[in-house]
């Protein structure tokens, strides 16, 4: 099974990646999982070992291969979204992006959201629901992947990937420079967490931090779209 975890920047796509891995490892313990971050699904699949039963990739965009596999239903795609103002302010704080760079990233992701909405085959999850009802969100992913849980696995996976637990994991990582020296990436290659990955974690603060003109531009991105699903 190929699972693509993508979504708006700073919208819990790393959470969905770790949840999928947690579910597969708990409910399919004898099956090998190939996982990682790659904006090219084609490249990611080419790098998979031949004995891998499952492949789980995190990305924020979809190349032609990823789109074709998603449309065909060959890949199970989980797309996470967040209030664009929150996502933009979080990007600006986490990655030192200016407003224009963060706005462009969110605009690009909303185009991907349109692709998923038209196709109707991706599981679309709302960040706020993920934070407030994590067990329900994990259950939705398990059902979407066809993974039956006859025990407490969903609750265990939800707890292990809760906001505070992921904050603790991120805070235990070496700093960015050290990670690059150790593994060549500015993030942990196993969990894909960055140092300081979990910041405020709440919702609704973005609109308080941006100017009226910036908010007007964000609202312009949403004007022609139906309400994002929860």
C-alpha atoms as a PDB file:
ATOM      1  CA  UNK A   1       0.000   0.000   0.000  1.00  0.00           C
ATOM      2  CA  UNK A   2       1.223   3.481  -0.907  1.00  0.00           C
ATOM      3  CA  UNK A   3       0.144   6.265   1.451  1.00  0.00           C
ATOM      4  CA  UNK A   4       0.788   9.915   0.571  1.00  0.00           C
ATOM      5  CA  UNK A   5       0.627  12.337   3.505  1.00  0.00           C
ATOM      6  CA  UNK A   6       0.463  15.863   2.190  1.00  0.00           C
ATOM      7  CA  UNK A   7      -1.270  19.093   2.923  1.00  0.00           C
ATOM      8  CA  UNK A   8      -0.950  22.739   3.708  1.00  0.00           C
ATOM      9  CA  UNK A   9       2.342  23.743   5.370  1.00  0.00           C
ATOM     10  CA  UNK A  10       2.102  23.675   9.181  1.00  0.00           C
ATOM     11  CA  UNK A  11      -1.232  21.836   9.076  1.00  0.00           C
ATOM     12  CA  UNK A  12      -0.268  18.520  10.776  1.00  0.00           C
ATOM     13  CA  UNK A  13       0.987  16.657   7.710  1.00  0.00           C
ATOM     14  CA  UNK A  14       3.922  15.437   9.841  1.00  0.00           C
ATOM     15  CA  UNK A  15       1.373  14.238  12.390  1.00  0.00           C
ATOM     16  CA  UNK A  16      -0.526  12.284   9.726  1.00  0.00           C
ATOM     17  CA  UNK A  17       2.760  10.748   8.521  1.00  0.00           C
ATOM     18  CA  UNK A  18       3.614   9.510  12.014  1.00  0.00           C
ATOM     19  CA  UNK A  19       0.068   8.303  12.645  1.00  0.00           C
ATOM     20  CA  UNK A  20       0.085   6.228   9.456  1.00  0.00           C
ATOM     21  CA  UNK A  21       3.434   4.716  10.428  1.00  0.00           C
ATOM     22  CA  UNK A  22       2.205   4.009  13.949  1.00  0.00           C
ATOM     23  CA  UNK A  23      -0.921   2.260  12.685  1.00  0.00           C
ATOM     24  CA  UNK A  24       0.935   0.143  10.131  1.00  0.00           C
ATOM     25  CA  UNK A  25       3.644  -0.897  12.576  1.00  0.00           C
ATOM     26  CA  UNK A  26       1.090  -1.851  15.226  1.00  0.00           C
ATOM     27  CA  UNK A  27      -1.494  -3.536  13.009  1.00  0.00           C
ATOM     28  CA  UNK A  28       0.810  -4.976  10.333  1.00  0.00           C
ATOM     29  CA  UNK A  29       3.934  -5.744  12.432  1.00  0.00           C
ATOM     30  CA  UNK A  30       5.400  -8.358  10.079  1.00  0.00           C
ATOM     31  CA  UNK A  31       5.217  -6.171   6.981  1.00  0.00           C
ATOM     32  CA  UNK A  32       8.097  -3.874   6.015  1.00  0.00           C
ATOM     33  CA  UNK A  33       7.387  -0.149   5.660  1.00  0.00           C
ATOM     34  CA  UNK A  34       9.448   2.243   3.528  1.00  0.00           C
ATOM     35  CA  UNK A  35       8.943   5.843   4.657  1.00  0.00           C
ATOM     36  CA  UNK A  36      10.334   9.340   4.279  1.00  0.00           C
ATOM     37  CA  UNK A  37       9.958  12.865   2.932  1.00  0.00           C
ATOM     38  CA  UNK A  38      10.186  13.494  -0.800  1.00  0.00           C
ATOM     39  CA  UNK A  39       8.434  16.066  -2.985  1.00  0.00           C
ATOM     40  CA  UNK A  40       8.834  13.608  -5.873  1.00  0.00           C
ATOM     41  CA  UNK A  41       6.625  10.568  -5.397  1.00  0.00           C
ATOM     42  CA  UNK A  42       8.290   9.026  -8.446  1.00  0.00           C
ATOM     43  CA  UNK A  43      11.746   9.348  -6.875  1.00  0.00           C
ATOM     44  CA  UNK A  44      10.475   8.049  -3.533  1.00  0.00           C
ATOM     45  CA  UNK A  45       9.024   4.921  -5.126  1.00  0.00           C
ATOM     46  CA  UNK A  46      12.178   4.309  -7.132  1.00  0.00           C
ATOM     47  CA  UNK A  47      14.188   4.356  -3.893  1.00  0.00           C
ATOM     48  CA  UNK A  48      11.927   1.847  -2.124  1.00  0.00           C
ATOM     49  CA  UNK A  49      13.485  -1.534  -1.315  1.00  0.00           C
ATOM     50  CA  UNK A  50      11.938  -4.439  -3.248  1.00  0.00           C
ATOM     51  CA  UNK A  51      10.771  -6.186  -0.067  1.00  0.00           C
ATOM     52  CA  UNK A  52       8.728  -3.218   1.220  1.00  0.00           C
ATOM     53  CA  UNK A  53       5.037  -4.041   1.610  1.00  0.00           C
ATOM     54  CA  UNK A  54       4.010  -0.452   2.348  1.00  0.00           C
ATOM     55  CA  UNK A  55       5.385   2.951   1.344  1.00  0.00           C
ATOM     56  CA  UNK A  56       4.528   6.129   3.264  1.00  0.00           C
ATOM     57  CA  UNK A  57       5.706   9.483   1.928  1.00  0.00           C
ATOM     58  CA  UNK A  58       5.214  13.000   3.232  1.00  0.00           C
ATOM     59  CA  UNK A  59       5.124  15.848   0.717  1.00  0.00           C
ATOM     60  CA  UNK A  60       3.498  19.248   0.360  1.00  0.00           C
ATOM     61  CA  UNK A  61       3.012  19.040  -3.394  1.00  0.00           C
ATOM     62  CA  UNK A  62       2.259  16.213  -5.831  1.00  0.00           C
ATOM     63  CA  UNK A  63       4.261  15.439  -8.947  1.00  0.00           C
ATOM     64  CA  UNK A  64       2.623  13.892 -12.010  1.00  0.00           C
ATOM     65  CA  UNK A  65       3.159  10.366 -10.663  1.00  0.00           C
ATOM     66  CA  UNK A  66       1.585  11.240  -7.345  1.00  0.00           C
ATOM     67  CA  UNK A  67      -1.431  12.840  -8.986  1.00  0.00           C
ATOM     68  CA  UNK A  68      -1.957   9.889 -11.324  1.00  0.00           C
ATOM     69  CA  UNK A  69      -1.743   7.366  -8.465  1.00  0.00           C
ATOM     70  CA  UNK A  70      -4.086   9.450  -6.324  1.00  0.00           C
ATOM     71  CA  UNK A  71      -6.664   9.837  -9.105  1.00  0.00           C
ATOM     72  CA  UNK A  72      -6.545   6.115  -9.838  1.00  0.00           C
ATOM     73  CA  UNK A  73      -7.028   5.276  -6.178  1.00  0.00           C
ATOM     74  CA  UNK A  74      -3.759   3.325  -6.215  1.00  0.00           C
ATOM     75  CA  UNK A  75      -2.399   5.628  -3.524  1.00  0.00           C
ATOM     76  CA  UNK A  76      -4.262   6.430  -0.315  1.00  0.00           C
ATOM     77  CA  UNK A  77      -3.804  10.172   0.168  1.00  0.00           C
ATOM     78  CA  UNK A  78      -4.318  12.055   3.427  1.00  0.00           C
ATOM     79  CA  UNK A  79      -4.490  15.838   2.967  1.00  0.00           C
ATOM     80  CA  UNK A  80      -4.411  18.101   6.024  1.00  0.00           C
ATOM     81  CA  UNK A  81      -5.473  21.742   6.006  1.00  0.00           C
ATOM     82  CA  UNK A  82      -5.526  24.619   8.463  1.00  0.00           C
ATOM     83  CA  UNK A  83      -6.950  28.113   8.625  1.00  0.00           C
ATOM     84  CA  UNK A  84      -4.692  29.830   6.046  1.00  0.00           C
ATOM     85  CA  UNK A  85      -3.932  32.764   8.348  1.00  0.00           C
ATOM     86  CA  UNK A  86      -2.693  30.393  11.066  1.00  0.00           C
ATOM     87  CA  UNK A  87      -0.681  28.380   8.547  1.00  0.00           C
ATOM     88  CA  UNK A  88       0.960  31.522   7.165  1.00  0.00           C
ATOM     89  CA  UNK A  89       1.882  32.968  10.561  1.00  0.00           C
ATOM     90  CA  UNK A  90       3.187  29.564  11.678  1.00  0.00           C
ATOM     91  CA  UNK A  91       5.332  29.296   8.528  1.00  0.00           C
ATOM     92  CA  UNK A  92       6.704  32.772   9.124  1.00  0.00           C
ATOM     93  CA  UNK A  93       7.672  31.862  12.697  1.00  0.00           C
ATOM     94  CA  UNK A  94       8.991  28.366  12.043  1.00  0.00           C
ATOM     95  CA  UNK A  95      10.938  28.896   8.845  1.00  0.00           C
ATOM     96  CA  UNK A  96      11.612  32.653   8.956  1.00  0.00           C
ATOM     97  CA  UNK A  97       9.539  33.097   5.798  1.00  0.00           C
ATOM     98  CA  UNK A  98       8.309  36.537   4.884  1.00  0.00           C
ATOM     99  CA  UNK A  99       4.577  36.993   4.288  1.00  0.00           C
ATOM    100  CA  UNK A 100       4.845  36.714   0.490  1.00  0.00           C
ATOM    101  CA  UNK A 101       6.720  33.398   0.631  1.00  0.00           C
ATOM    102  CA  UNK A 102       4.285  31.910   3.150  1.00  0.00           C
ATOM    103  CA  UNK A 103       1.289  33.197   1.171  1.00  0.00           C
ATOM    104  CA  UNK A 104       2.614  31.598  -2.010  1.00  0.00           C
ATOM    105  CA  UNK A 105       3.052  28.239  -0.225  1.00  0.00           C
ATOM    106  CA  UNK A 106      -0.515  28.323   1.057  1.00  0.00           C
ATOM    107  CA  UNK A 107      -1.879  29.417  -2.329  1.00  0.00           C
ATOM    108  CA  UNK A 108      -0.103  26.494  -3.982  1.00  0.00           C
ATOM    109  CA  UNK A 109      -1.490  24.113  -1.370  1.00  0.00           C
ATOM    110  CA  UNK A 110      -5.035  25.378  -1.889  1.00  0.00           C
ATOM    111  CA  UNK A 111      -4.680  24.489  -5.558  1.00  0.00           C
ATOM    112  CA  UNK A 112      -3.743  20.995  -4.425  1.00  0.00           C
ATOM    113  CA  UNK A 113      -6.780  21.013  -2.130  1.00  0.00           C
ATOM    114  CA  UNK A 114      -8.918  21.826  -5.214  1.00  0.00           C
ATOM    115  CA  UNK A 115      -7.390  18.799  -6.974  1.00  0.00           C
ATOM    116  CA  UNK A 116      -8.281  16.523  -4.059  1.00  0.00           C
ATOM    117  CA  UNK A 117     -11.767  17.984  -3.707  1.00  0.00           C
ATOM    118  CA  UNK A 118     -12.486  17.416  -7.403  1.00  0.00           C
ATOM    119  CA  UNK A 119     -11.135  13.863  -7.291  1.00  0.00           C
ATOM    120  CA  UNK A 120     -13.047  12.942  -4.166  1.00  0.00           C
ATOM    121  CA  UNK A 121     -10.669  10.134  -3.225  1.00  0.00           C
ATOM    122  CA  UNK A 122      -8.381  11.755  -0.636  1.00  0.00           C
ATOM    123  CA  UNK A 123      -9.105  11.898   3.081  1.00  0.00           C
ATOM    124  CA  UNK A 124      -9.193  15.604   3.994  1.00  0.00           C
ATOM    125  CA  UNK A 125      -8.575  16.416   7.667  1.00  0.00           C
ATOM    126  CA  UNK A 126      -8.906  19.721   9.505  1.00  0.00           C
ATOM    127  CA  UNK A 127      -6.061  20.740  11.843  1.00  0.00           C
ATOM    128  CA  UNK A 128      -8.424  21.987  14.528  1.00  0.00           C
ATOM    129  CA  UNK A 129     -10.285  18.669  14.610  1.00  0.00           C
ATOM    130  CA  UNK A 130      -6.962  16.811  14.758  1.00  0.00           C
ATOM    131  CA  UNK A 131      -5.931  18.810  17.830  1.00  0.00           C
ATOM    132  CA  UNK A 132      -9.280  18.731  19.634  1.00  0.00           C
ATOM    133  CA  UNK A 133     -10.410  15.172  18.791  1.00  0.00           C
ATOM    134  CA  UNK A 134      -7.202  13.238  18.034  1.00  0.00           C
ATOM    135  CA  UNK A 135      -8.654   9.766  18.658  1.00  0.00           C
ATOM    136  CA  UNK A 136     -11.431  10.424  16.159  1.00  0.00           C
ATOM    137  CA  UNK A 137      -8.927  11.734  13.600  1.00  0.00           C
ATOM    138  CA  UNK A 138      -6.709   8.643  13.993  1.00  0.00           C
ATOM    139  CA  UNK A 139      -9.778   6.428  13.683  1.00  0.00           C
ATOM    140  CA  UNK A 140     -10.690   8.117  10.403  1.00  0.00           C
ATOM    141  CA  UNK A 141      -7.200   7.451   9.042  1.00  0.00           C
ATOM    142  CA  UNK A 142      -7.315   3.804  10.152  1.00  0.00           C
ATOM    143  CA  UNK A 143     -10.689   3.309   8.466  1.00  0.00           C
ATOM    144  CA  UNK A 144      -9.519   5.097   5.310  1.00  0.00           C
ATOM    145  CA  UNK A 145      -6.518   2.777   5.081  1.00  0.00           C
ATOM    146  CA  UNK A 146      -8.643  -0.301   5.713  1.00  0.00           C
ATOM    147  CA  UNK A 147      -6.847  -1.093   8.978  1.00  0.00           C
ATOM    148  CA  UNK A 148      -9.193  -2.733  11.467  1.00  0.00           C
ATOM    149  CA  UNK A 149      -8.344  -2.163  15.112  1.00  0.00           C
ATOM    150  CA  UNK A 150      -9.835  -4.688  17.511  1.00  0.00           C
ATOM    151  CA  UNK A 151      -8.027  -3.297  20.540  1.00  0.00           C
ATOM    152  CA  UNK A 152      -6.695  -0.009  21.821  1.00  0.00           C
ATOM    153  CA  UNK A 153      -4.248   0.685  18.971  1.00  0.00           C
ATOM    154  CA  UNK A 154      -6.026   3.826  17.767  1.00  0.00           C
ATOM    155  CA  UNK A 155      -5.956   5.340  21.265  1.00  0.00           C
ATOM    156  CA  UNK A 156      -2.298   4.393  21.761  1.00  0.00           C
ATOM    157  CA  UNK A 157      -1.283   5.892  18.403  1.00  0.00           C
ATOM    158  CA  UNK A 158      -3.303   9.046  19.139  1.00  0.00           C
ATOM    159  CA  UNK A 159      -1.596   9.435  22.526  1.00  0.00           C
ATOM    160  CA  UNK A 160       1.884   8.791  21.138  1.00  0.00           C
ATOM    161  CA  UNK A 161       1.349  11.488  18.518  1.00  0.00           C
ATOM    162  CA  UNK A 162      -0.517  13.990  20.673  1.00  0.00           C
ATOM    163  CA  UNK A 163       0.479  17.649  20.666  1.00  0.00           C
ATOM    164  CA  UNK A 164       2.447  17.508  23.915  1.00  0.00           C
ATOM    165  CA  UNK A 165       4.142  14.199  23.067  1.00  0.00           C
ATOM    166  CA  UNK A 166       5.271  15.472  19.667  1.00  0.00           C
ATOM    167  CA  UNK A 167       6.497  18.693  21.290  1.00  0.00           C
ATOM    168  CA  UNK A 168       8.611  16.586  23.666  1.00  0.00           C
ATOM    169  CA  UNK A 169      10.035  14.577  20.770  1.00  0.00           C
ATOM    170  CA  UNK A 170      10.887  17.739  18.828  1.00  0.00           C
ATOM    171  CA  UNK A 171      12.507  19.377  21.858  1.00  0.00           C
ATOM    172  CA  UNK A 172      14.699  16.301  22.402  1.00  0.00           C
ATOM    173  CA  UNK A 173      16.249  16.587  18.919  1.00  0.00           C
ATOM    174  CA  UNK A 174      19.725  18.025  18.321  1.00  0.00           C
ATOM    175  CA  UNK A 175      19.768  21.507  16.822  1.00  0.00           C
ATOM    176  CA  UNK A 176      19.373  22.018  13.081  1.00  0.00           C
ATOM    177  CA  UNK A 177      23.119  22.311  12.375  1.00  0.00           C
ATOM    178  CA  UNK A 178      23.811  19.092  14.258  1.00  0.00           C
ATOM    179  CA  UNK A 179      21.081  17.218  12.434  1.00  0.00           C
ATOM    180  CA  UNK A 180      22.491  18.305   9.087  1.00  0.00           C
ATOM    181  CA  UNK A 181      25.939  17.081  10.145  1.00  0.00           C
ATOM    182  CA  UNK A 182      24.570  13.780  11.448  1.00  0.00           C
ATOM    183  CA  UNK A 183      22.111  12.804   8.735  1.00  0.00           C
ATOM    184  CA  UNK A 184      22.176  15.463   6.036  1.00  0.00           C
ATOM    185  CA  UNK A 185      18.698  16.790   6.822  1.00  0.00           C
ATOM    186  CA  UNK A 186      17.446  19.659   9.030  1.00  0.00           C
ATOM    187  CA  UNK A 187      14.882  17.250  10.488  1.00  0.00           C
ATOM    188  CA  UNK A 188      14.789  13.853  12.156  1.00  0.00           C
ATOM    189  CA  UNK A 189      14.795  11.289   9.309  1.00  0.00           C
ATOM    190  CA  UNK A 190      12.532   8.902  11.235  1.00  0.00           C
ATOM    191  CA  UNK A 191       9.721  11.189  12.445  1.00  0.00           C
ATOM    192  CA  UNK A 192      10.398  14.155  10.086  1.00  0.00           C
ATOM    193  CA  UNK A 193      10.099  16.466  13.089  1.00  0.00           C
ATOM    194  CA  UNK A 194      12.196  19.641  13.103  1.00  0.00           C
ATOM    195  CA  UNK A 195      13.784  21.055  16.254  1.00  0.00           C
ATOM    196  CA  UNK A 196      11.095  23.279  17.763  1.00  0.00           C
ATOM    197  CA  UNK A 197       8.542  21.777  15.387  1.00  0.00           C
ATOM    198  CA  UNK A 198       5.571  22.271  17.723  1.00  0.00           C
ATOM    199  CA  UNK A 199       5.146  25.948  18.573  1.00  0.00           C
ATOM    200  CA  UNK A 200       1.878  27.437  19.791  1.00  0.00           C
ATOM    201  CA  UNK A 201      -0.271  24.626  18.416  1.00  0.00           C
ATOM    202  CA  UNK A 202      -3.519  26.531  18.904  1.00  0.00           C
ATOM    203  CA  UNK A 203      -5.931  27.939  16.339  1.00  0.00           C
ATOM    204  CA  UNK A 204      -7.181  31.449  15.591  1.00  0.00           C
ATOM    205  CA  UNK A 205      -4.063  33.449  16.358  1.00  0.00           C
ATOM    206  CA  UNK A 206      -3.129  34.105  12.726  1.00  0.00           C
ATOM    207  CA  UNK A 207      -5.802  36.728  12.121  1.00  0.00           C
ATOM    208  CA  UNK A 208      -4.647  38.660  15.184  1.00  0.00           C
ATOM    209  CA  UNK A 209      -1.042  38.774  13.973  1.00  0.00           C
ATOM    210  CA  UNK A 210      -1.573  39.932  10.374  1.00  0.00           C
ATOM    211  CA  UNK A 211      -2.522  43.315   8.956  1.00  0.00           C
ATOM    212  CA  UNK A 212      -5.915  44.078   7.437  1.00  0.00           C
ATOM    213  CA  UNK A 213      -4.339  44.195   3.981  1.00  0.00           C
ATOM    214  CA  UNK A 214      -2.673  40.807   4.470  1.00  0.00           C
ATOM    215  CA  UNK A 215      -5.942  39.284   5.665  1.00  0.00           C
ATOM    216  CA  UNK A 216      -7.716  40.711   2.635  1.00  0.00           C
ATOM    217  CA  UNK A 217      -5.249  38.930   0.358  1.00  0.00           C
ATOM    218  CA  UNK A 218      -5.749  35.655   2.234  1.00  0.00           C
ATOM    219  CA  UNK A 219      -9.532  35.983   2.014  1.00  0.00           C
ATOM    220  CA  UNK A 220      -9.129  36.555  -1.707  1.00  0.00           C
ATOM    221  CA  UNK A 221      -7.653  33.055  -2.008  1.00  0.00           C
ATOM    222  CA  UNK A 222     -10.756  31.583  -0.407  1.00  0.00           C
ATOM    223  CA  UNK A 223     -13.392  33.686  -2.140  1.00  0.00           C
ATOM    224  CA  UNK A 224     -14.193  31.240  -4.949  1.00  0.00           C
ATOM    225  CA  UNK A 225     -13.867  28.088  -2.878  1.00  0.00           C
ATOM    226  CA  UNK A 226     -16.575  26.291  -0.958  1.00  0.00           C
ATOM    227  CA  UNK A 227     -16.101  26.043   2.790  1.00  0.00           C
ATOM    228  CA  UNK A 228     -13.196  23.773   3.612  1.00  0.00           C
ATOM    229  CA  UNK A 229     -14.543  20.476   5.005  1.00  0.00           C
ATOM    230  CA  UNK A 230     -14.098  19.446   8.620  1.00  0.00           C
END
